[in-house]
Amino acid sequence: MVFTVVFTCRAFKPLKGEVLQGVVRYISQHGVFLRCGPVRNAFLSAWKMSNYQYVPGTKPAFLSDELSKIEKGVVVCFLVLAVRWIDTSRDFEMLASVDADSLGPVSLPGSDESEW
């Protein structure tokens, strides 16, 4: 017997050097944790945000010299520095940077981020 099967899937494999957007999930003095599509663990180190300073408090954030702000829930455009697949969690981990032109927080009317 032959059956015709039609399906839809979303394939996503981040690559080194790619520019992506992610939503800030958590902020620490060492950096920012982002979610980018199905990738739950993208880390943007404070070392890779050279124009930003950590601002502690009840709502911690990173504030740039130009007064742009990275805080929880903000969409950030970033460059992928490294990617690795973790078998145990079946997820990618990424290292990110905003030390390039046109990278950093972006203004969007709404994020296309969906809960996975």
C-alpha atoms as a PDB file:
ATOM      1  CA  MET A   1       0.000   0.000   0.000  1.00  0.00           C
ATOM      2  CA  VAL A   2       1.119   3.518  -0.728  1.00  0.00           C
ATOM      3  CA  PHE A   3      -0.045   6.461   1.353  1.00  0.00           C
ATOM      4  CA  THR A   4       0.451  10.107   0.610  1.00  0.00           C
ATOM      5  CA  VAL A   5       1.565  11.917   3.728  1.00  0.00           C
ATOM      6  CA  VAL A   6       1.561  15.687   4.030  1.00  0.00           C
ATOM      7  CA  PHE A   7       3.105  17.394   7.052  1.00  0.00           C
ATOM      8  CA  THR A   8       4.445  20.713   8.150  1.00  0.00           C
ATOM      9  CA  CYS A   9       7.504  21.189  10.327  1.00  0.00           C
ATOM     10  CA  ARG A  10       9.731  23.989  11.445  1.00  0.00           C
ATOM     11  CA  ALA A  11      13.432  23.342  11.158  1.00  0.00           C
ATOM     12  CA  PHE A  12      15.849  25.577  13.022  1.00  0.00           C
ATOM     13  CA  LYS A  13      19.582  25.124  13.323  1.00  0.00           C
ATOM     14  CA  PRO A  14      21.499  28.228  14.412  1.00  0.00           C
ATOM     15  CA  LEU A  15      24.888  28.731  12.807  1.00  0.00           C
ATOM     16  CA  LYS A  16      28.003  30.588  13.909  1.00  0.00           C
ATOM     17  CA  GLY A  17      28.056  34.074  12.369  1.00  0.00           C
ATOM     18  CA  GLU A  18      24.290  34.278  11.942  1.00  0.00           C
ATOM     19  CA  VAL A  19      22.354  37.329  13.175  1.00  0.00           C
ATOM     20  CA  LEU A  20      19.239  36.341  15.147  1.00  0.00           C
ATOM     21  CA  GLN A  21      16.700  37.886  17.499  1.00  0.00           C
ATOM     22  CA  GLY A  22      15.892  36.634  20.965  1.00  0.00           C
ATOM     23  CA  VAL A  23      13.795  37.623  23.948  1.00  0.00           C
ATOM     24  CA  VAL A  24      15.538  38.326  27.268  1.00  0.00           C
ATOM     25  CA  ARG A  25      14.533  35.714  29.875  1.00  0.00           C
ATOM     26  CA  TYR A  26      16.933  36.467  32.733  1.00  0.00           C
ATOM     27  CA  ILE A  27      19.588  39.037  33.609  1.00  0.00           C
ATOM     28  CA  SER A  28      22.596  38.618  35.887  1.00  0.00           C
ATOM     29  CA  GLN A  29      25.677  40.744  36.415  1.00  0.00           C
ATOM     30  CA  HIS A  30      27.582  38.306  34.184  1.00  0.00           C
ATOM     31  CA  GLY A  31      25.238  38.648  31.214  1.00  0.00           C
ATOM     32  CA  VAL A  32      21.848  38.015  29.697  1.00  0.00           C
ATOM     33  CA  PHE A  33      20.019  34.760  28.957  1.00  0.00           C
ATOM     34  CA  LEU A  34      17.906  34.842  25.796  1.00  0.00           C
ATOM     35  CA  ARG A  35      15.349  32.593  24.178  1.00  0.00           C
ATOM     36  CA  CYS A  36      15.488  32.411  20.402  1.00  0.00           C
ATOM     37  CA  GLY A  37      12.715  30.315  18.868  1.00  0.00           C
ATOM     38  CA  PRO A  38      13.058  26.767  20.205  1.00  0.00           C
ATOM     39  CA  VAL A  39      16.519  27.549  21.649  1.00  0.00           C
ATOM     40  CA  ARG A  40      16.075  28.229  25.357  1.00  0.00           C
ATOM     41  CA  ASN A  41      19.691  28.895  26.235  1.00  0.00           C
ATOM     42  CA  ALA A  42      21.431  31.702  24.399  1.00  0.00           C
ATOM     43  CA  PHE A  43      23.932  33.497  26.641  1.00  0.00           C
ATOM     44  CA  LEU A  44      25.009  37.068  25.938  1.00  0.00           C
ATOM     45  CA  SER A  45      28.025  37.705  28.135  1.00  0.00           C
ATOM     46  CA  ALA A  46      28.642  41.127  29.687  1.00  0.00           C
ATOM     47  CA  TRP A  47      32.079  40.906  28.011  1.00  0.00           C
ATOM     48  CA  LYS A  48      30.348  40.867  24.610  1.00  0.00           C
ATOM     49  CA  MET A  49      28.322  44.010  25.394  1.00  0.00           C
ATOM     50  CA  SER A  50      31.191  46.488  25.572  1.00  0.00           C
ATOM     51  CA  ASN A  51      29.003  49.627  25.518  1.00  0.00           C
ATOM     52  CA  TYR A  52      26.653  48.360  28.243  1.00  0.00           C
ATOM     53  CA  GLN A  53      26.906  48.612  32.028  1.00  0.00           C
ATOM     54  CA  TYR A  54      25.055  46.391  34.496  1.00  0.00           C
ATOM     55  CA  VAL A  55      22.434  48.217  36.593  1.00  0.00           C
ATOM     56  CA  PRO A  56      21.406  46.142  39.662  1.00  0.00           C
ATOM     57  CA  GLY A  57      18.087  46.469  41.447  1.00  0.00           C
ATOM     58  CA  THR A  58      14.653  44.885  41.603  1.00  0.00           C
ATOM     59  CA  LYS A  59      14.545  45.024  37.775  1.00  0.00           C
ATOM     60  CA  PRO A  60      18.196  44.529  36.754  1.00  0.00           C
ATOM     61  CA  ALA A  61      19.194  45.711  33.283  1.00  0.00           C
ATOM     62  CA  PHE A  62      22.113  46.618  31.075  1.00  0.00           C
ATOM     63  CA  LEU A  63      22.218  50.272  30.022  1.00  0.00           C
ATOM     64  CA  SER A  64      24.321  51.524  27.109  1.00  0.00           C
ATOM     65  CA  ASP A  65      26.195  54.784  26.676  1.00  0.00           C
ATOM     66  CA  GLU A  66      23.456  55.792  24.187  1.00  0.00           C
ATOM     67  CA  LEU A  67      20.782  54.968  26.843  1.00  0.00           C
ATOM     68  CA  SER A  68      19.419  51.865  25.133  1.00  0.00           C
ATOM     69  CA  LYS A  69      18.303  49.324  27.711  1.00  0.00           C
ATOM     70  CA  ILE A  70      18.390  45.528  27.795  1.00  0.00           C
ATOM     71  CA  GLU A  71      15.963  44.178  30.383  1.00  0.00           C
ATOM     72  CA  LYS A  72      13.672  41.174  30.823  1.00  0.00           C
ATOM     73  CA  GLY A  73      11.200  40.822  27.958  1.00  0.00           C
ATOM     74  CA  VAL A  74      13.148  42.998  25.498  1.00  0.00           C
ATOM     75  CA  VAL A  75      13.885  41.682  22.002  1.00  0.00           C
ATOM     76  CA  VAL A  76      17.620  41.754  21.226  1.00  0.00           C
ATOM     77  CA  CYS A  77      19.273  41.373  17.840  1.00  0.00           C
ATOM     78  CA  PHE A  78      22.535  39.413  18.325  1.00  0.00           C
ATOM     79  CA  LEU A  79      25.382  37.681  16.518  1.00  0.00           C
ATOM     80  CA  VAL A  80      25.875  33.939  17.141  1.00  0.00           C
ATOM     81  CA  LEU A  81      29.452  33.288  18.304  1.00  0.00           C
ATOM     82  CA  ALA A  82      29.209  29.561  19.023  1.00  0.00           C
ATOM     83  CA  VAL A  83      26.587  26.806  18.985  1.00  0.00           C
ATOM     84  CA  ARG A  84      26.572  23.410  20.616  1.00  0.00           C
ATOM     85  CA  TRP A  85      24.014  20.609  20.757  1.00  0.00           C
ATOM     86  CA  ILE A  86      23.330  19.064  24.179  1.00  0.00           C
ATOM     87  CA  ASP A  87      22.133  15.455  23.878  1.00  0.00           C
ATOM     88  CA  THR A  88      20.808  15.130  27.421  1.00  0.00           C
ATOM     89  CA  SER A  89      18.474  18.135  27.184  1.00  0.00           C
ATOM     90  CA  ARG A  90      18.016  17.768  23.395  1.00  0.00           C
ATOM     91  CA  ASP A  91      18.553  21.484  22.941  1.00  0.00           C
ATOM     92  CA  PHE A  92      21.067  23.921  21.498  1.00  0.00           C
ATOM     93  CA  GLU A  93      23.172  26.262  23.606  1.00  0.00           C
ATOM     94  CA  MET A  94      24.480  29.453  22.031  1.00  0.00           C
ATOM     95  CA  LEU A  95      26.970  32.177  22.874  1.00  0.00           C
ATOM     96  CA  ALA A  96      25.996  35.604  21.573  1.00  0.00           C
ATOM     97  CA  SER A  97      27.408  39.095  21.060  1.00  0.00           C
ATOM     98  CA  VAL A  98      26.030  42.577  20.375  1.00  0.00           C
ATOM     99  CA  ASP A  99      29.462  44.092  19.647  1.00  0.00           C
ATOM    100  CA  ALA A 100      28.778  44.945  15.992  1.00  0.00           C
ATOM    101  CA  ASP A 101      26.815  47.493  14.009  1.00  0.00           C
ATOM    102  CA  SER A 102      22.999  47.332  14.137  1.00  0.00           C
ATOM    103  CA  LEU A 103      22.925  44.836  17.019  1.00  0.00           C
ATOM    104  CA  GLY A 104      21.233  45.282  20.395  1.00  0.00           C
ATOM    105  CA  PRO A 105      17.700  45.906  21.623  1.00  0.00           C
ATOM    106  CA  VAL A 106      15.077  46.391  18.919  1.00  0.00           C
ATOM    107  CA  SER A 107      11.639  47.973  18.969  1.00  0.00           C
ATOM    108  CA  LEU A 108       8.996  45.607  17.699  1.00  0.00           C
ATOM    109  CA  PRO A 109       5.236  45.953  18.007  1.00  0.00           C
ATOM    110  CA  GLY A 110       5.194  42.345  19.233  1.00  0.00           C
ATOM    111  CA  SER A 111       7.561  39.441  19.365  1.00  0.00           C
ATOM    112  CA  ASP A 112       7.079  36.375  17.206  1.00  0.00           C
ATOM    113  CA  GLU A 113       8.361  34.408  20.181  1.00  0.00           C
ATOM    114  CA  SER A 114       6.140  31.440  20.970  1.00  0.00           C
ATOM    115  CA  GLU A 115       6.187  29.191  23.985  1.00  0.00           C
ATOM    116  CA  TRP A 116       7.652  25.788  23.171  1.00  0.00           C
END
